[in-house]
Amino acid sequence: MRQALANEPVDVTLVDRNNFHLFTPLVYQVASSLLNPSDIAHPVRRVLRRARNVHCVVAKWWAAT
């Protein structure tokens, strides 16, 4: 998404109640102590920090009107 929208004339606001992206296929490896939790969970703001037209908001979204 970051690369696709990098030079487009749009502003994106990402609303999520968590400030991380979890790569779920590797959760079992964390549970068995083969990986650290930090290896599969990446902060969303760090992933999107170079995208000037993407803003992250940590909040819970109830409904769109």
Protein backbone atom coordinates (compact mmCIF):
# COMPACT_ATOMS: atom_id res chain seq x y z
CA MET A 1 0.00 0.00 0.00
CA ARG A 2 2.80 2.40 0.92
CA GLN A 3 4.47 2.04 -2.47
CA ALA A 4 1.24 2.13 -4.45
CA LEU A 5 0.03 5.38 -2.86
CA ALA A 6 3.39 7.08 -2.37
CA ASN A 7 3.10 9.55 -5.27
CA GLU A 8 -0.66 9.70 -5.61
CA PRO A 9 -2.65 12.85 -4.71
CA VAL A 10 -4.49 11.19 -1.82
CA ASP A 11 -4.40 11.30 1.96
CA VAL A 12 -4.89 8.01 3.82
CA THR A 13 -5.85 7.72 7.47
CA LEU A 14 -5.32 4.26 8.93
CA VAL A 15 -7.44 3.65 12.04
CA ASP A 16 -6.60 0.60 14.13
CA ARG A 17 -6.97 -0.25 17.80
CA ASN A 18 -3.50 -1.83 17.77
CA ASN A 19 -0.24 -0.15 16.83
CA PHE A 20 1.22 -3.28 15.27
CA HIS A 21 0.85 -5.64 12.35
CA LEU A 22 0.89 -9.29 13.43
CA PHE A 23 2.05 -11.96 11.00
CA THR A 24 -0.25 -14.72 12.25
CA PRO A 25 1.22 -17.75 10.40
CA LEU A 26 4.20 -17.61 12.79
CA VAL A 27 2.28 -17.37 16.09
CA TYR A 28 2.78 -21.07 16.77
CA GLN A 29 6.56 -20.60 16.56
CA VAL A 30 6.38 -17.87 19.21
CA ALA A 31 4.29 -20.18 21.39
CA SER A 32 6.94 -22.89 21.09
CA SER A 33 9.75 -20.37 21.87
CA LEU A 34 11.35 -20.65 18.43
CA LEU A 35 10.79 -16.94 17.71
CA ASN A 36 10.46 -13.80 19.79
CA PRO A 37 7.18 -11.88 19.63
CA SER A 38 9.08 -8.91 18.18
CA ASP A 39 10.00 -11.06 15.16
CA ILE A 40 6.39 -11.33 13.99
CA ALA A 41 4.82 -8.09 15.25
CA HIS A 42 5.89 -4.87 13.54
CA PRO A 43 4.78 -1.36 14.55
CA VAL A 44 2.49 0.06 11.87
CA ARG A 45 3.94 3.55 12.25
CA ARG A 46 7.45 2.24 11.58
CA VAL A 47 6.31 0.33 8.48
CA LEU A 48 4.55 3.43 7.08
CA ARG A 49 6.92 6.14 8.36
CA ARG A 50 8.21 7.10 4.89
CA ALA A 51 4.74 7.49 3.39
CA ARG A 52 4.04 11.20 3.76
CA ASN A 53 0.39 10.88 2.78
CA VAL A 54 -0.46 8.09 5.27
CA HIS A 55 -1.46 8.94 8.83
CA CYS A 56 -1.94 6.34 11.57
CA VAL A 57 -4.47 6.75 14.37
CA VAL A 58 -4.70 4.31 17.26
CA ALA A 59 -8.42 4.18 18.06
CA LYS A 60 -11.45 1.94 17.95
CA TRP A 61 -13.77 2.51 15.00
CA TRP A 62 -17.46 2.10 15.77
CA ALA A 63 -19.39 2.99 12.62
CA ALA A 64 -19.09 4.85 9.36
CA THR A 65 -21.77 7.34 8.44
